[in-house]
Amino acid sequence: MQRTDSESVIKALRLSILLGPNELHYLLDRFKLCGIYFKQFEAKDYHLLGSQTLLVWKFTRKPFLRFFRKNLGFFESVKILMQEKHPEILQKMVSTINKPT
């Protein structure tokens, strides 16, 4: 069976997260790619994506906020990842994103 391009990207992102979840110089760009391919991830990967979301929020908050203010559609995937296990952090994210700059 031949892999599609998106399957290859998902596999690479999954491996990148597993092998270097705290590599700050890759964190935001990898997170953005995960957002682009979010619908192709399986639900079993959501814990990985959720952990990356927490790290992005903690270590790259200003770029995170700039990105989501310009790309609010991507924030829907963050809501899916955060609503069950981290609703308080999601609420803080939403209120921070909605604050005037």
PDB file of N, CA and C in Angstrom:
ATOM      1  N   MET A   1       0.843  -1.187   0.000  1.00  0.00           N
ATOM      2  CA  MET A   1       0.000   0.000   0.000  1.00  0.00           C
ATOM      3  C   MET A   1       0.888   1.249   0.000  1.00  0.00           C
ATOM      4  N   GLN A   2       0.579   2.171  -0.854  1.00  0.00           N
ATOM      5  CA  GLN A   2       1.370   3.393  -0.967  1.00  0.00           C
ATOM      6  C   GLN A   2       0.821   4.459  -0.022  1.00  0.00           C
ATOM      7  N   ARG A   3       1.705   5.149   0.674  1.00  0.00           N
ATOM      8  CA  ARG A   3       1.306   6.199   1.620  1.00  0.00           C
ATOM      9  C   ARG A   3       1.015   7.488   0.864  1.00  0.00           C
ATOM     10  N   THR A   4       0.047   8.236   1.348  1.00  0.00           N
ATOM     11  CA  THR A   4      -0.201   9.552   0.775  1.00  0.00           C
ATOM     12  C   THR A   4       0.757  10.545   1.399  1.00  0.00           C
ATOM     13  N   ASP A   5       0.846  11.708   0.801  1.00  0.00           N
ATOM     14  CA  ASP A   5       1.723  12.744   1.345  1.00  0.00           C
ATOM     15  C   ASP A   5       1.324  13.115   2.764  1.00  0.00           C
ATOM     16  N   SER A   6       0.020  13.258   3.027  1.00  0.00           N
ATOM     17  CA  SER A   6      -0.410  13.648   4.373  1.00  0.00           C
ATOM     18  C   SER A   6      -0.080  12.560   5.394  1.00  0.00           C
ATOM     19  N   GLU A   7      -0.167  11.293   5.017  1.00  0.00           N
ATOM     20  CA  GLU A   7       0.211  10.223   5.939  1.00  0.00           C
ATOM     21  C   GLU A   7       1.692  10.314   6.298  1.00  0.00           C
ATOM     22  N   SER A   8       2.508  10.650   5.326  1.00  0.00           N
ATOM     23  CA  SER A   8       3.948  10.803   5.582  1.00  0.00           C
ATOM     24  C   SER A   8       4.217  11.982   6.506  1.00  0.00           C
ATOM     25  N   VAL A   9       3.508  13.068   6.290  1.00  0.00           N
ATOM     26  CA  VAL A   9       3.676  14.247   7.142  1.00  0.00           C
ATOM     27  C   VAL A   9       3.231  13.927   8.560  1.00  0.00           C
ATOM     28  N   ILE A  10       2.095  13.261   8.721  1.00  0.00           N
ATOM     29  CA  ILE A  10       1.589  12.896  10.050  1.00  0.00           C
ATOM     30  C   ILE A  10       2.601  12.005  10.762  1.00  0.00           C
ATOM     31  N   LYS A  11       3.140  11.035  10.048  1.00  0.00           N
ATOM     32  CA  LYS A  11       4.133  10.136  10.648  1.00  0.00           C
ATOM     33  C   LYS A  11       5.360  10.928  11.103  1.00  0.00           C
ATOM     34  N   ALA A  12       5.830  11.835  10.263  1.00  0.00           N
ATOM     35  CA  ALA A  12       7.001  12.649  10.614  1.00  0.00           C
ATOM     36  C   ALA A  12       6.712  13.552  11.814  1.00  0.00           C
ATOM     37  N   LEU A  13       5.532  14.154  11.850  1.00  0.00           N
ATOM     38  CA  LEU A  13       5.167  15.003  12.986  1.00  0.00           C
ATOM     39  C   LEU A  13       5.067  14.191  14.269  1.00  0.00           C
ATOM     40  N   ARG A  14       4.451  13.037  14.177  1.00  0.00           N
ATOM     41  CA  ARG A  14       4.316  12.161  15.338  1.00  0.00           C
ATOM     42  C   ARG A  14       5.708  11.793  15.873  1.00  0.00           C
ATOM     43  N   LEU A  15       6.612  11.402  14.995  1.00  0.00           N
ATOM     44  CA  LEU A  15       7.971  11.051  15.414  1.00  0.00           C
ATOM     45  C   LEU A  15       8.718  12.247  15.993  1.00  0.00           C
ATOM     46  N   SER A  16       8.539  13.395  15.385  1.00  0.00           N
ATOM     47  CA  SER A  16       9.184  14.605  15.881  1.00  0.00           C
ATOM     48  C   SER A  16       8.740  14.920  17.305  1.00  0.00           C
ATOM     49  N   ILE A  17       7.455  14.779  17.550  1.00  0.00           N
ATOM     50  CA  ILE A  17       6.932  15.037  18.893  1.00  0.00           C
ATOM     51  C   ILE A  17       7.472  14.006  19.880  1.00  0.00           C
ATOM     52  N   LEU A  18       7.455  12.742  19.481  1.00  0.00           N
ATOM     53  CA  LEU A  18       7.918  11.686  20.381  1.00  0.00           C
ATOM     54  C   LEU A  18       9.407  11.790  20.694  1.00  0.00           C
ATOM     55  N   LEU A  19      10.211  12.149  19.699  1.00  0.00           N
ATOM     56  CA  LEU A  19      11.663  12.184  19.892  1.00  0.00           C
ATOM     57  C   LEU A  19      12.186  13.495  20.472  1.00  0.00           C
ATOM     58  N   GLY A  20      11.453  14.584  20.269  1.00  0.00           N
ATOM     59  CA  GLY A  20      11.935  15.876  20.764  1.00  0.00           C
ATOM     60  C   GLY A  20      10.802  16.792  21.166  1.00  0.00           C
ATOM     61  N   PRO A  21       9.969  16.368  22.108  1.00  0.00           N
ATOM     62  CA  PRO A  21       8.778  17.159  22.437  1.00  0.00           C
ATOM     63  C   PRO A  21       9.081  18.543  23.007  1.00  0.00           C
ATOM     64  N   ASN A  22      10.242  18.709  23.609  1.00  0.00           N
ATOM     65  CA  ASN A  22      10.571  19.974  24.265  1.00  0.00           C
ATOM     66  C   ASN A  22      11.562  20.827  23.491  1.00  0.00           C
ATOM     67  N   GLU A  23      11.821  20.507  22.251  1.00  0.00           N
ATOM     68  CA  GLU A  23      12.762  21.289  21.447  1.00  0.00           C
ATOM     69  C   GLU A  23      12.108  22.606  21.054  1.00  0.00           C
ATOM     70  N   LEU A  24      12.446  23.637  21.796  1.00  0.00           N
ATOM     71  CA  LEU A  24      11.769  24.924  21.654  1.00  0.00           C
ATOM     72  C   LEU A  24      11.935  25.548  20.276  1.00  0.00           C
ATOM     73  N   HIS A  25      13.054  25.320  19.615  1.00  0.00           N
ATOM     74  CA  HIS A  25      13.265  25.938  18.308  1.00  0.00           C
ATOM     75  C   HIS A  25      12.377  25.310  17.228  1.00  0.00           C
ATOM     76  N   TYR A  26      11.787  24.138  17.488  1.00  0.00           N
ATOM     77  CA  TYR A  26      10.855  23.514  16.546  1.00  0.00           C
ATOM     78  C   TYR A  26       9.400  23.623  16.986  1.00  0.00           C
ATOM     79  N   LEU A  27       9.197  23.966  18.216  1.00  0.00           N
ATOM     80  CA  LEU A  27       7.886  23.841  18.846  1.00  0.00           C
ATOM     81  C   LEU A  27       6.761  24.553  18.102  1.00  0.00           C
ATOM     82  N   LEU A  28       6.892  25.833  17.845  1.00  0.00           N
ATOM     83  CA  LEU A  28       5.793  26.583  17.239  1.00  0.00           C
ATOM     84  C   LEU A  28       5.554  26.170  15.789  1.00  0.00           C
ATOM     85  N   ASP A  29       6.603  26.002  15.018  1.00  0.00           N
ATOM     86  CA  ASP A  29       6.420  25.583  13.621  1.00  0.00           C
ATOM     87  C   ASP A  29       5.807  24.192  13.535  1.00  0.00           C
ATOM     88  N   ARG A  30       6.270  23.284  14.373  1.00  0.00           N
ATOM     89  CA  ARG A  30       5.695  21.937  14.394  1.00  0.00           C
ATOM     90  C   ARG A  30       4.229  21.999  14.799  1.00  0.00           C
ATOM     91  N   PHE A  31       3.928  22.841  15.768  1.00  0.00           N
ATOM     92  CA  PHE A  31       2.546  23.013  16.220  1.00  0.00           C
ATOM     93  C   PHE A  31       1.651  23.526  15.090  1.00  0.00           C
ATOM     94  N   LYS A  32       2.158  24.473  14.322  1.00  0.00           N
ATOM     95  CA  LYS A  32       1.392  25.005  13.188  1.00  0.00           C
ATOM     96  C   LYS A  32       1.127  23.905  12.156  1.00  0.00           C
ATOM     97  N   LEU A  33       2.132  23.101  11.873  1.00  0.00           N
ATOM     98  CA  LEU A  33       1.937  21.988  10.941  1.00  0.00           C
ATOM     99  C   LEU A  33       0.908  20.990  11.469  1.00  0.00           C
ATOM    100  N   CYS A  34       0.958  20.723  12.763  1.00  0.00           N
ATOM    101  CA  CYS A  34      -0.046  19.837  13.361  1.00  0.00           C
ATOM    102  C   CYS A  34      -1.441  20.422  13.190  1.00  0.00           C
ATOM    103  N   GLY A  35      -1.557  21.729  13.291  1.00  0.00           N
ATOM    104  CA  GLY A  35      -2.846  22.376  13.081  1.00  0.00           C
ATOM    105  C   GLY A  35      -3.338  22.227  11.652  1.00  0.00           C
ATOM    106  N   ILE A  36      -2.434  22.348  10.705  1.00  0.00           N
ATOM    107  CA  ILE A  36      -2.803  22.198   9.293  1.00  0.00           C
ATOM    108  C   ILE A  36      -3.298  20.781   9.016  1.00  0.00           C
ATOM    109  N   TYR A  37      -2.653  19.805   9.612  1.00  0.00           N
ATOM    110  CA  TYR A  37      -2.983  18.397   9.365  1.00  0.00           C
ATOM    111  C   TYR A  37      -3.854  17.783  10.458  1.00  0.00           C
ATOM    112  N   PHE A  38      -4.416  18.605  11.317  1.00  0.00           N
ATOM    113  CA  PHE A  38      -5.149  18.102  12.483  1.00  0.00           C
ATOM    114  C   PHE A  38      -6.199  17.054  12.123  1.00  0.00           C
ATOM    115  N   LYS A  39      -6.959  17.278  11.093  1.00  0.00           N
ATOM    116  CA  LYS A  39      -8.046  16.351  10.734  1.00  0.00           C
ATOM    117  C   LYS A  39      -7.530  14.999  10.273  1.00  0.00           C
ATOM    118  N   GLN A  40      -6.277  14.915   9.885  1.00  0.00           N
ATOM    119  CA  GLN A  40      -5.720  13.641   9.461  1.00  0.00           C
ATOM    120  C   GLN A  40      -5.127  12.829  10.621  1.00  0.00           C
ATOM    121  N   PHE A  41      -4.954  13.460  11.780  1.00  0.00           N
ATOM    122  CA  PHE A  41      -4.471  12.726  12.941  1.00  0.00           C
ATOM    123  C   PHE A  41      -5.581  11.826  13.468  1.00  0.00           C
ATOM    124  N   GLU A  42      -5.198  10.738  14.079  1.00  0.00           N
ATOM    125  CA  GLU A  42      -6.155   9.848  14.727  1.00  0.00           C
ATOM    126  C   GLU A  42      -6.386  10.332  16.156  1.00  0.00           C
ATOM    127  N   ALA A  43      -7.539   9.989  16.708  1.00  0.00           N
ATOM    128  CA  ALA A  43      -7.867  10.411  18.075  1.00  0.00           C
ATOM    129  C   ALA A  43      -6.818   9.927  19.076  1.00  0.00           C
ATOM    130  N   LYS A  44      -6.179   8.798  18.802  1.00  0.00           N
ATOM    131  CA  LYS A  44      -5.149   8.279  19.718  1.00  0.00           C
ATOM    132  C   LYS A  44      -3.928   9.197  19.805  1.00  0.00           C
ATOM    133  N   ASP A  45      -3.795  10.104  18.834  1.00  0.00           N
ATOM    134  CA  ASP A  45      -2.679  11.052  18.840  1.00  0.00           C
ATOM    135  C   ASP A  45      -2.999  12.343  19.590  1.00  0.00           C
ATOM    136  N   TYR A  46      -4.216  12.518  20.008  1.00  0.00           N
ATOM    137  CA  TYR A  46      -4.612  13.782  20.629  1.00  0.00           C
ATOM    138  C   TYR A  46      -3.834  14.087  21.892  1.00  0.00           C
ATOM    139  N   HIS A  47      -3.421  13.053  22.639  1.00  0.00           N
ATOM    140  CA  HIS A  47      -2.627  13.327  23.847  1.00  0.00           C
ATOM    141  C   HIS A  47      -1.285  13.959  23.472  1.00  0.00           C
ATOM    142  N   LEU A  48      -0.686  13.498  22.362  1.00  0.00           N
ATOM    143  CA  LEU A  48       0.574  14.113  21.896  1.00  0.00           C
ATOM    144  C   LEU A  48       0.349  15.562  21.488  1.00  0.00           C
ATOM    145  N   LEU A  49      -0.718  15.789  20.736  1.00  0.00           N
ATOM    146  CA  LEU A  49      -1.021  17.141  20.273  1.00  0.00           C
ATOM    147  C   LEU A  49      -1.393  18.052  21.439  1.00  0.00           C
ATOM    148  N   GLY A  50      -2.094  17.502  22.411  1.00  0.00           N
ATOM    149  CA  GLY A  50      -2.448  18.282  23.599  1.00  0.00           C
ATOM    150  C   GLY A  50      -1.224  18.682  24.395  1.00  0.00           C
ATOM    151  N   SER A  51      -0.272  17.756  24.521  1.00  0.00           N
ATOM    152  CA  SER A  51       0.953  18.083  25.265  1.00  0.00           C
ATOM    153  C   SER A  51       1.748  19.164  24.533  1.00  0.00           C
ATOM    154  N   GLN A  52       1.756  19.118  23.202  1.00  0.00           N
ATOM    155  CA  GLN A  52       2.435  20.159  22.429  1.00  0.00           C
ATOM    156  C   GLN A  52       1.732  21.500  22.590  1.00  0.00           C
ATOM    157  N   THR A  53       0.414  21.469  22.638  1.00  0.00           N
ATOM    158  CA  THR A  53      -0.357  22.700  22.836  1.00  0.00           C
ATOM    159  C   THR A  53       0.008  23.351  24.157  1.00  0.00           C
ATOM    160  N   LEU A  54       0.114  22.555  25.208  1.00  0.00           N
ATOM    161  CA  LEU A  54       0.488  23.090  26.522  1.00  0.00           C
ATOM    162  C   LEU A  54       1.888  23.699  26.488  1.00  0.00           C
ATOM    163  N   LEU A  55       2.812  23.031  25.818  1.00  0.00           N
ATOM    164  CA  LEU A  55       4.178  23.564  25.729  1.00  0.00           C
ATOM    165  C   LEU A  55       4.231  24.860  24.921  1.00  0.00           C
ATOM    166  N   VAL A  56       3.499  24.903  23.815  1.00  0.00           N
ATOM    167  CA  VAL A  56       3.464  26.126  23.008  1.00  0.00           C
ATOM    168  C   VAL A  56       2.886  27.267  23.828  1.00  0.00           C
ATOM    169  N   TRP A  57       1.815  26.997  24.541  1.00  0.00           N
ATOM    170  CA  TRP A  57       1.179  28.012  25.384  1.00  0.00           C
ATOM    171  C   TRP A  57       2.143  28.504  26.455  1.00  0.00           C
ATOM    172  N   LYS A  58       2.894  27.587  27.046  1.00  0.00           N
ATOM    173  CA  LYS A  58       3.801  27.945  28.135  1.00  0.00           C
ATOM    174  C   LYS A  58       5.048  28.696  27.652  1.00  0.00           C
ATOM    175  N   PHE A  59       5.648  28.236  26.554  1.00  0.00           N
ATOM    176  CA  PHE A  59       6.955  28.753  26.160  1.00  0.00           C
ATOM    177  C   PHE A  59       6.951  29.740  24.993  1.00  0.00           C
ATOM    178  N   THR A  60       5.898  29.774  24.214  1.00  0.00           N
ATOM    179  CA  THR A  60       5.862  30.683  23.058  1.00  0.00           C
ATOM    180  C   THR A  60       4.535  31.436  23.019  1.00  0.00           C
ATOM    181  N   ARG A  61       4.116  31.937  24.157  1.00  0.00           N
ATOM    182  CA  ARG A  61       2.777  32.518  24.274  1.00  0.00           C
ATOM    183  C   ARG A  61       2.530  33.675  23.309  1.00  0.00           C
ATOM    184  N   LYS A  62       3.446  34.612  23.205  1.00  0.00           N
ATOM    185  CA  LYS A  62       3.207  35.759  22.322  1.00  0.00           C
ATOM    186  C   LYS A  62       3.078  35.343  20.858  1.00  0.00           C
ATOM    187  N   PRO A  63       4.004  34.529  20.319  1.00  0.00           N
ATOM    188  CA  PRO A  63       3.810  34.076  18.937  1.00  0.00           C
ATOM    189  C   PRO A  63       2.549  33.225  18.771  1.00  0.00           C
ATOM    190  N   PHE A  64       2.230  32.421  19.780  1.00  0.00           N
ATOM    191  CA  PHE A  64       1.009  31.614  19.785  1.00  0.00           C
ATOM    192  C   PHE A  64      -0.205  32.519  19.624  1.00  0.00           C
ATOM    193  N   LEU A  65      -0.259  33.571  20.424  1.00  0.00           N
ATOM    194  CA  LEU A  65      -1.398  34.492  20.372  1.00  0.00           C
ATOM    195  C   LEU A  65      -1.469  35.224  19.041  1.00  0.00           C
ATOM    196  N   ARG A  66      -0.346  35.706  18.534  1.00  0.00           N
ATOM    197  CA  ARG A  66      -0.330  36.371  17.222  1.00  0.00           C
ATOM    198  C   ARG A  66      -0.837  35.431  16.136  1.00  0.00           C
ATOM    199  N   PHE A  67      -0.367  34.204  16.160  1.00  0.00           N
ATOM    200  CA  PHE A  67      -0.767  33.227  15.158  1.00  0.00           C
ATOM    201  C   PHE A  67      -2.277  32.983  15.211  1.00  0.00           C
ATOM    202  N   PHE A  68      -2.806  32.743  16.392  1.00  0.00           N
ATOM    203  CA  PHE A  68      -4.229  32.417  16.492  1.00  0.00           C
ATOM    204  C   PHE A  68      -5.139  33.612  16.273  1.00  0.00           C
ATOM    205  N   ARG A  69      -4.690  34.788  16.575  1.00  0.00           N
ATOM    206  CA  ARG A  69      -5.505  35.968  16.264  1.00  0.00           C
ATOM    207  C   ARG A  69      -5.655  36.142  14.756  1.00  0.00           C
ATOM    208  N   LYS A  70      -4.658  35.705  14.005  1.00  0.00           N
ATOM    209  CA  LYS A  70      -4.713  35.791  12.543  1.00  0.00           C
ATOM    210  C   LYS A  70      -5.364  34.563  11.917  1.00  0.00           C
ATOM    211  N   ASN A  71      -5.402  33.453  12.637  1.00  0.00           N
ATOM    212  CA  ASN A  71      -5.885  32.174  12.110  1.00  0.00           C
ATOM    213  C   ASN A  71      -6.860  31.526  13.089  1.00  0.00           C
ATOM    214  N   LEU A  72      -7.952  32.191  13.364  1.00  0.00           N
ATOM    215  CA  LEU A  72      -8.888  31.693  14.371  1.00  0.00           C
ATOM    216  C   LEU A  72      -9.460  30.320  14.026  1.00  0.00           C
ATOM    217  N   GLY A  73      -9.513  29.973  12.761  1.00  0.00           N
ATOM    218  CA  GLY A  73     -10.006  28.653  12.376  1.00  0.00           C
ATOM    219  C   GLY A  73      -9.165  27.527  12.963  1.00  0.00           C
ATOM    220  N   PHE A  74      -7.862  27.747  13.080  1.00  0.00           N
ATOM    221  CA  PHE A  74      -6.992  26.743  13.676  1.00  0.00           C
ATOM    222  C   PHE A  74      -7.306  26.531  15.149  1.00  0.00           C
ATOM    223  N   PHE A  75      -7.849  27.545  15.779  1.00  0.00           N
ATOM    224  CA  PHE A  75      -8.105  27.438  17.210  1.00  0.00           C
ATOM    225  C   PHE A  75      -9.180  26.394  17.519  1.00  0.00           C
ATOM    226  N   GLU A  76     -10.004  26.046  16.548  1.00  0.00           N
ATOM    227  CA  GLU A  76     -11.012  25.006  16.764  1.00  0.00           C
ATOM    228  C   GLU A  76     -10.346  23.672  17.120  1.00  0.00           C
ATOM    229  N   SER A  77      -9.222  23.365  16.502  1.00  0.00           N
ATOM    230  CA  SER A  77      -8.514  22.123  16.839  1.00  0.00           C
ATOM    231  C   SER A  77      -7.965  22.177  18.263  1.00  0.00           C
ATOM    232  N   VAL A  78      -7.498  23.340  18.678  1.00  0.00           N
ATOM    233  CA  VAL A  78      -7.011  23.494  20.052  1.00  0.00           C
ATOM    234  C   VAL A  78      -8.154  23.269  21.039  1.00  0.00           C
ATOM    235  N   LYS A  79      -9.316  23.772  20.730  1.00  0.00           N
ATOM    236  CA  LYS A  79     -10.467  23.563  21.611  1.00  0.00           C
ATOM    237  C   LYS A  79     -10.771  22.082  21.776  1.00  0.00           C
ATOM    238  N   ILE A  80     -10.703  21.330  20.684  1.00  0.00           N
ATOM    239  CA  ILE A  80     -10.949  19.885  20.755  1.00  0.00           C
ATOM    240  C   ILE A  80      -9.915  19.223  21.658  1.00  0.00           C
ATOM    241  N   LEU A  81      -8.671  19.616  21.531  1.00  0.00           N
ATOM    242  CA  LEU A  81      -7.601  19.007  22.316  1.00  0.00           C
ATOM    243  C   LEU A  81      -7.675  19.359  23.791  1.00  0.00           C
ATOM    244  N   MET A  82      -8.111  20.557  24.105  1.00  0.00           N
ATOM    245  CA  MET A  82      -8.004  21.052  25.475  1.00  0.00           C
ATOM    246  C   MET A  82      -9.291  20.945  26.297  1.00  0.00           C
ATOM    247  N   GLN A  83     -10.433  20.880  25.642  1.00  0.00           N
ATOM    248  CA  GLN A  83     -11.695  21.012  26.375  1.00  0.00           C
ATOM    249  C   GLN A  83     -11.917  19.931  27.430  1.00  0.00           C
ATOM    250  N   GLU A  84     -11.466  18.719  27.188  1.00  0.00           N
ATOM    251  CA  GLU A  84     -11.739  17.645  28.133  1.00  0.00           C
ATOM    252  C   GLU A  84     -10.755  17.608  29.302  1.00  0.00           C
ATOM    253  N   LYS A  85      -9.458  17.681  29.006  1.00  0.00           N
ATOM    254  CA  LYS A  85      -8.455  17.496  30.061  1.00  0.00           C
ATOM    255  C   LYS A  85      -7.927  18.788  30.662  1.00  0.00           C
ATOM    256  N   HIS A  86      -8.067  19.901  29.943  1.00  0.00           N
ATOM    257  CA  HIS A  86      -7.516  21.170  30.421  1.00  0.00           C
ATOM    258  C   HIS A  86      -8.485  22.325  30.166  1.00  0.00           C
ATOM    259  N   PRO A  87      -9.713  22.223  30.659  1.00  0.00           N
ATOM    260  CA  PRO A  87     -10.694  23.279  30.366  1.00  0.00           C
ATOM    261  C   PRO A  87     -10.315  24.637  30.946  1.00  0.00           C
ATOM    262  N   GLU A  88      -9.624  24.649  32.077  1.00  0.00           N
ATOM    263  CA  GLU A  88      -9.240  25.921  32.690  1.00  0.00           C
ATOM    264  C   GLU A  88      -8.187  26.637  31.846  1.00  0.00           C
ATOM    265  N   ILE A  89      -7.272  25.883  31.272  1.00  0.00           N
ATOM    266  CA  ILE A  89      -6.254  26.482  30.399  1.00  0.00           C
ATOM    267  C   ILE A  89      -6.896  26.952  29.103  1.00  0.00           C
ATOM    268  N   LEU A  90      -7.825  26.163  28.577  1.00  0.00           N
ATOM    269  CA  LEU A  90      -8.543  26.573  27.375  1.00  0.00           C
ATOM    270  C   LEU A  90      -9.296  27.878  27.620  1.00  0.00           C
ATOM    271  N   GLN A  91      -9.933  27.995  28.751  1.00  0.00           N
ATOM    272  CA  GLN A  91     -10.660  29.230  29.078  1.00  0.00           C
ATOM    273  C   GLN A  91      -9.693  30.421  29.114  1.00  0.00           C
ATOM    274  N   LYS A  92      -8.515  30.231  29.683  1.00  0.00           N
ATOM    275  CA  LYS A  92      -7.504  31.294  29.731  1.00  0.00           C
ATOM    276  C   LYS A  92      -7.037  31.649  28.316  1.00  0.00           C
ATOM    277  N   MET A  93      -6.844  30.639  27.481  1.00  0.00           N
ATOM    278  CA  MET A  93      -6.441  30.880  26.093  1.00  0.00           C
ATOM    279  C   MET A  93      -7.483  31.712  25.362  1.00  0.00           C
ATOM    280  N   VAL A  94      -8.735  31.307  25.491  1.00  0.00           N
ATOM    281  CA  VAL A  94      -9.830  32.012  24.807  1.00  0.00           C
ATOM    282  C   VAL A  94      -9.908  33.456  25.267  1.00  0.00           C
ATOM    283  N   SER A  95      -9.851  33.677  26.574  1.00  0.00           N
ATOM    284  CA  SER A  95      -9.965  35.046  27.073  1.00  0.00           C
ATOM    285  C   SER A  95      -8.763  35.898  26.648  1.00  0.00           C
ATOM    286  N   THR A  96      -7.581  35.281  26.611  1.00  0.00           N
ATOM    287  CA  THR A  96      -6.390  36.014  26.199  1.00  0.00           C
ATOM    288  C   THR A  96      -6.428  36.352  24.714  1.00  0.00           C
ATOM    289  N   ILE A  97      -6.850  35.418  23.886  1.00  0.00           N
ATOM    290  CA  ILE A  97      -6.947  35.652  22.449  1.00  0.00           C
ATOM    291  C   ILE A  97      -7.978  36.745  22.141  1.00  0.00           C
ATOM    292  N   ASN A  98      -9.048  36.758  22.910  1.00  0.00           N
ATOM    293  CA  ASN A  98     -10.128  37.734  22.662  1.00  0.00           C
ATOM    294  C   ASN A  98      -9.860  39.107  23.236  1.00  0.00           C
ATOM    295  N   LYS A  99      -8.805  39.268  24.041  1.00  0.00           N
ATOM    296  CA  LYS A  99      -8.470  40.589  24.574  1.00  0.00           C
ATOM    297  C   LYS A  99      -7.978  41.485  23.452  1.00  0.00           C
ATOM    298  N   PRO A 100      -8.348  42.751  23.490  1.00  0.00           N
ATOM    299  CA  PRO A 100      -7.804  43.672  22.495  1.00  0.00           C
ATOM    300  C   PRO A 100      -6.296  43.811  22.662  1.00  0.00           C
ATOM    301  N   THR A 101      -5.591  43.948  21.562  1.00  0.00           N
ATOM    302  CA  THR A 101      -4.127  44.058  21.638  1.00  0.00           C
ATOM    303  C   THR A 101      -3.693  45.483  21.785  1.00  0.00           C
TER     304      THR A 101
END
